[in-house]
N, C-alpha and C. Protein backbone atom coordinates (compact mmCIF):
# COMPACT_ATOMS: atom_id res chain seq x y z
N UNK A 1 -15.86 -16.76 38.21
CA UNK A 1 -14.71 -16.12 38.01
C UNK A 1 -14.74 -16.06 36.34
N UNK A 2 -15.36 -17.12 35.89
CA UNK A 2 -15.00 -17.18 34.20
C UNK A 2 -15.23 -16.06 33.30
N UNK A 3 -16.35 -15.20 34.21
CA UNK A 3 -17.27 -14.42 33.21
C UNK A 3 -16.01 -13.02 33.30
N UNK A 4 -15.32 -13.23 34.26
CA UNK A 4 -14.49 -11.54 33.90
C UNK A 4 -13.36 -11.95 32.99
N UNK A 5 -12.65 -13.17 32.81
CA UNK A 5 -11.43 -13.58 32.09
C UNK A 5 -12.22 -13.51 30.99
N UNK A 6 -13.23 -13.79 30.73
CA UNK A 6 -14.24 -14.17 29.53
C UNK A 6 -14.03 -12.24 28.68
N UNK A 7 -14.81 -11.88 29.67
CA UNK A 7 -14.67 -9.69 29.54
C UNK A 7 -13.36 -9.43 28.69
N UNK A 8 -12.48 -10.31 29.81
CA UNK A 8 -10.99 -9.34 29.41
C UNK A 8 -10.87 -10.08 28.32
N UNK A 9 -10.66 -11.43 27.70
CA UNK A 9 -10.15 -12.01 26.61
C UNK A 9 -11.24 -11.15 25.17
N UNK A 10 -12.44 -10.70 25.74
CA UNK A 10 -13.29 -10.00 24.46
C UNK A 10 -12.79 -8.45 24.38
N UNK A 11 -12.29 -8.14 25.46
CA UNK A 11 -12.05 -6.60 24.99
C UNK A 11 -10.66 -6.56 24.57
N UNK A 12 -9.46 -7.60 24.89
CA UNK A 12 -8.41 -7.70 24.21
C UNK A 12 -8.71 -7.67 22.86
N UNK A 13 -9.62 -8.71 22.27
CA UNK A 13 -9.87 -8.73 20.78
C UNK A 13 -10.17 -7.28 20.27
N UNK A 14 -11.49 -7.07 21.12
CA UNK A 14 -11.95 -5.34 20.32
C UNK A 14 -10.86 -4.76 20.38
N UNK A 15 -9.82 -4.51 21.42
CA UNK A 15 -8.63 -3.47 20.99
C UNK A 15 -7.66 -4.19 20.09
N UNK A 16 -7.47 -5.34 19.68
CA UNK A 16 -6.56 -5.76 18.69
C UNK A 16 -7.47 -5.31 17.28
N UNK A 17 -8.82 -5.60 17.11
CA UNK A 17 -9.49 -5.03 16.21
C UNK A 17 -9.52 -3.69 16.04
N UNK A 18 -9.80 -2.87 16.70
CA UNK A 18 -9.56 -1.58 16.55
C UNK A 18 -8.34 -1.15 15.94
N UNK A 19 -7.02 -1.42 16.71
CA UNK A 19 -5.75 -1.14 16.29
C UNK A 19 -5.37 -1.70 14.88
N UNK A 20 -6.28 -2.84 14.62
CA UNK A 20 -5.82 -3.53 12.74
C UNK A 20 -6.55 -2.54 11.76
N UNK A 21 -7.61 -2.32 12.81
CA UNK A 21 -8.83 -1.37 11.68
C UNK A 21 -8.00 0.13 11.11
N UNK A 22 -7.46 0.38 12.49
CA UNK A 22 -6.70 2.04 12.53
C UNK A 22 -5.70 1.92 11.17
N UNK A 23 -4.35 0.97 11.25
CA UNK A 23 -3.69 0.79 10.63
C UNK A 23 -4.02 0.43 9.25
N UNK A 24 -4.89 -0.11 8.89
CA UNK A 24 -5.43 -0.46 7.64
C UNK A 24 -6.15 1.23 7.23
N UNK A 25 -6.86 1.66 7.91
CA UNK A 25 -7.42 3.29 7.52
C UNK A 25 -6.19 3.81 7.19
N UNK A 26 -5.16 3.88 7.65
CA UNK A 26 -3.82 5.23 7.71
C UNK A 26 -3.17 4.73 6.42
N UNK A 27 -3.21 3.30 5.91
CA UNK A 27 -2.44 2.93 5.02
C UNK A 27 -3.44 3.21 3.48
N UNK A 28 -4.83 3.13 3.79
CA UNK A 28 -5.72 3.35 2.49
C UNK A 28 -5.47 5.11 2.75
N UNK A 29 -5.06 5.90 3.23
CA UNK A 29 -5.50 7.42 3.53
C UNK A 29 -3.94 7.73 2.71
N UNK A 30 -3.07 7.18 3.20
CA UNK A 30 -1.68 7.70 2.56
C UNK A 30 -1.76 7.77 0.68
N UNK A 31 -1.72 6.91 0.19
CA UNK A 31 -2.26 7.11 -1.44
C UNK A 31 -3.13 8.18 -1.62
N UNK A 32 -4.09 8.45 -1.04
CA UNK A 32 -5.03 9.80 -1.35
C UNK A 32 -4.29 10.79 -1.11
N UNK A 33 -3.74 10.96 -0.36
CA UNK A 33 -3.06 11.99 0.44
C UNK A 33 -1.77 12.32 -0.32
N UNK A 34 -1.07 11.33 -1.15
CA UNK A 34 -0.14 11.61 -1.87
C UNK A 34 -0.85 12.33 -3.46
N UNK A 35 -1.78 11.61 -3.75
CA UNK A 35 -2.65 12.06 -4.84
C UNK A 35 -2.94 13.39 -5.15
N UNK A 36 -3.17 14.12 -3.80
CA UNK A 36 -3.40 15.41 -3.44
C UNK A 36 -2.44 16.61 -4.12
N UNK A 37 -1.18 15.99 -4.05
CA UNK A 37 0.29 16.77 -4.41
C UNK A 37 0.02 17.08 -5.41
N UNK A 38 -0.71 16.62 -6.61
CA UNK A 38 -0.49 16.56 -8.26
C UNK A 38 -0.34 18.04 -8.27
N UNK A 39 -1.29 18.34 -7.69
CA UNK A 39 -1.42 20.16 -7.61
C UNK A 39 0.13 21.04 -7.29
N UNK A 40 0.96 20.22 -7.11
CA UNK A 40 2.38 20.80 -6.90
C UNK A 40 3.29 20.78 -7.64
N UNK A 41 3.06 19.68 -8.71
CA UNK A 41 4.10 19.13 -9.68
C UNK A 41 3.79 20.14 -10.44
N UNK A 42 3.69 21.36 -11.12
CA UNK A 42 4.41 22.58 -11.45
C UNK A 42 5.48 23.30 -11.20
N UNK A 43 5.49 23.17 -10.00
CA UNK A 43 6.43 23.62 -8.98
C UNK A 43 7.83 22.65 -8.66
N UNK A 44 7.68 21.84 -9.18
CA UNK A 44 8.73 20.74 -8.86
C UNK A 44 9.59 19.84 -10.00
N UNK A 45 8.71 19.51 -11.35
CA UNK A 45 9.23 19.08 -12.34
C UNK A 45 10.53 19.77 -12.98
N UNK A 46 11.61 18.97 -13.47
CA UNK A 46 12.72 19.69 -13.67
C UNK A 46 12.52 20.71 -14.81
N UNK A 47 12.84 21.98 -14.95
CA UNK A 47 12.92 22.97 -16.40
C UNK A 47 11.49 23.95 -15.69
N UNK A 48 11.00 23.85 -14.64
CA UNK A 48 9.91 24.40 -13.91
C UNK A 48 10.47 25.98 -13.98
N UNK A 49 9.84 26.91 -14.15
CA UNK A 49 10.13 28.28 -14.28
C UNK A 49 9.70 28.91 -13.24
N UNK A 50 8.59 28.60 -12.44
CA UNK A 50 8.05 28.98 -11.34
C UNK A 50 8.32 27.80 -10.26
N UNK A 51 9.14 27.92 -9.50
CA UNK A 51 9.46 27.08 -8.34
C UNK A 51 8.86 27.53 -6.58
N UNK A 52 8.15 28.44 -6.75
CA UNK A 52 7.21 29.15 -5.52
C UNK A 52 6.10 28.44 -5.60
N UNK A 53 5.78 27.63 -4.47
CA UNK A 53 4.36 26.84 -4.70
C UNK A 53 3.51 27.92 -4.21
N UNK A 54 2.05 27.77 -4.84
CA UNK A 54 1.19 28.47 -4.66
C UNK A 54 0.39 27.90 -3.08
N UNK A 55 -0.71 28.52 -2.84
CA UNK A 55 -1.55 28.35 -1.62
C UNK A 55 -2.18 26.98 -1.82
N UNK A 56 -2.58 26.79 -3.10
CA UNK A 56 -3.07 25.17 -2.97
C UNK A 56 -2.06 23.87 -2.98
N UNK A 57 -1.00 24.21 -3.39
CA UNK A 57 0.13 23.05 -3.22
C UNK A 57 0.31 23.03 -1.65
N UNK A 58 0.57 24.43 -1.09
CA UNK A 58 1.06 24.41 0.03
C UNK A 58 -0.33 23.89 1.05
N UNK A 59 -1.06 23.90 1.14
CA UNK A 59 -2.36 23.57 1.31
C UNK A 59 -2.64 21.69 1.38
N UNK A 60 -2.00 21.50 -0.13
CA UNK A 60 -2.11 20.17 -0.23
C UNK A 60 -0.86 19.19 0.57
N UNK A 61 0.01 19.93 1.19
CA UNK A 61 1.34 19.48 1.38
C UNK A 61 0.82 19.48 3.20
N UNK A 62 0.09 20.56 3.68
CA UNK A 62 -0.03 20.38 4.78
C UNK A 62 -0.87 19.34 4.97
N UNK A 63 -1.86 18.90 4.31
CA UNK A 63 -2.64 17.67 4.65
C UNK A 63 -2.00 16.18 4.70
N UNK A 64 -0.81 16.20 4.67
CA UNK A 64 -0.16 14.81 3.94
C UNK A 64 0.40 14.62 5.43
N UNK A 65 0.18 13.49 6.03
CA UNK A 65 0.25 13.00 6.97
C UNK A 65 2.25 12.95 7.12
N UNK A 66 3.31 13.26 8.40
CA UNK A 66 4.46 13.07 8.02
C UNK A 66 4.69 11.55 8.01
N UNK A 67 4.02 10.80 8.40
CA UNK A 67 4.42 9.16 8.40
C UNK A 67 4.35 9.09 6.82
N UNK A 68 3.75 9.44 6.37
CA UNK A 68 3.03 8.92 5.06
C UNK A 68 4.36 9.57 3.99
N UNK A 69 4.66 10.85 4.11
CA UNK A 69 5.55 11.74 3.05
C UNK A 69 6.75 11.02 3.14
N UNK A 70 7.05 10.95 4.39
CA UNK A 70 8.58 10.09 4.78
C UNK A 70 8.71 8.68 4.64
N UNK A 71 7.82 8.06 4.81
CA UNK A 71 7.76 6.68 4.05
C UNK A 71 8.14 6.40 2.95
N UNK A 72 7.13 7.18 2.20
CA UNK A 72 7.21 7.26 0.67
C UNK A 72 8.29 7.37 0.26
N UNK A 73 8.99 8.61 0.67
CA UNK A 73 10.55 9.00 0.15
C UNK A 73 11.65 7.70 0.84
N UNK A 74 11.50 7.07 1.81
CA UNK A 74 11.74 6.10 2.04
C UNK A 74 11.88 5.36 1.09
N UNK A 75 10.87 4.56 0.68
CA UNK A 75 10.82 3.56 -0.23
C UNK A 75 11.14 4.10 -1.31
N UNK A 76 11.04 5.12 -2.02
CA UNK A 76 11.56 5.82 -3.43
C UNK A 76 12.97 5.78 -3.28
N UNK A 77 13.55 5.97 -2.24
CA UNK A 77 15.11 5.94 -2.35
C UNK A 77 15.68 4.63 -2.28
N UNK A 78 14.95 3.55 -1.69
CA UNK A 78 15.31 2.23 -2.11
C UNK A 78 15.43 1.46 -3.66
N UNK A 79 14.32 2.38 -4.31
CA UNK A 79 13.96 1.84 -5.38
C UNK A 79 15.19 1.31 -6.39
N UNK A 80 16.21 2.10 -6.45
CA UNK A 80 17.55 1.98 -7.27
C UNK A 80 18.10 0.56 -7.16
N UNK A 81 18.29 0.83 -5.73
CA UNK A 81 18.95 -0.42 -5.19
C UNK A 81 18.35 -1.80 -5.44
N UNK A 82 16.96 -2.01 -5.28
CA UNK A 82 15.89 -3.15 -5.58
C UNK A 82 16.00 -3.53 -6.97
N UNK A 83 16.63 -2.40 -7.75
CA UNK A 83 16.12 -2.70 -9.08
C UNK A 83 17.97 -2.98 -10.01
N UNK A 84 18.69 -2.86 -8.88
CA UNK A 84 19.99 -3.33 -9.28
C UNK A 84 20.64 -1.86 -10.01
N UNK A 85 19.90 -0.91 -9.91
CA UNK A 85 20.58 0.10 -10.46
C UNK A 85 21.62 0.93 -9.55
N UNK A 86 22.36 2.04 -9.48
CA UNK A 86 23.17 2.62 -9.41
C UNK A 86 22.35 3.37 -8.22
N UNK A 87 22.62 3.82 -6.98
CA UNK A 87 21.74 4.87 -6.15
C UNK A 87 22.12 6.41 -6.66
N UNK A 88 20.82 6.84 -6.67
CA UNK A 88 20.70 8.37 -6.63
C UNK A 88 21.29 9.09 -5.66
N UNK A 89 21.93 10.17 -6.46
CA UNK A 89 22.92 10.90 -5.51
C UNK A 89 22.76 12.49 -5.99
N UNK A 90 21.77 12.61 -5.02
CA UNK A 90 21.08 14.33 -5.27
C UNK A 90 21.80 15.44 -4.56
N UNK A 91 23.13 15.43 -5.05
CA UNK A 91 23.86 16.70 -4.53
C UNK A 91 23.50 17.84 -5.00
N UNK A 92 23.41 19.00 -4.15
CA UNK A 92 23.21 20.36 -4.80
C UNK A 92 23.66 20.47 -6.17
């Protein structure tokens, strides 16, 4: 009976290890995904004359995971209050 419990515990530890590695891999890929968006800068900087993204920008944006992009935007939106600054109002 001890062997099956040992195997169950070992399997549980293996599952936890894989889950942790997967989370770490995802957190490491987000910055590189965001770096790929540098090709979109000419279309989004204030004063840009051409605001229609090219195929390279659209491809880079498509390669960014939604969670990565959304979490980054959420964090950026919190920065002013964390720096004791007035919140950013991006009205139309």
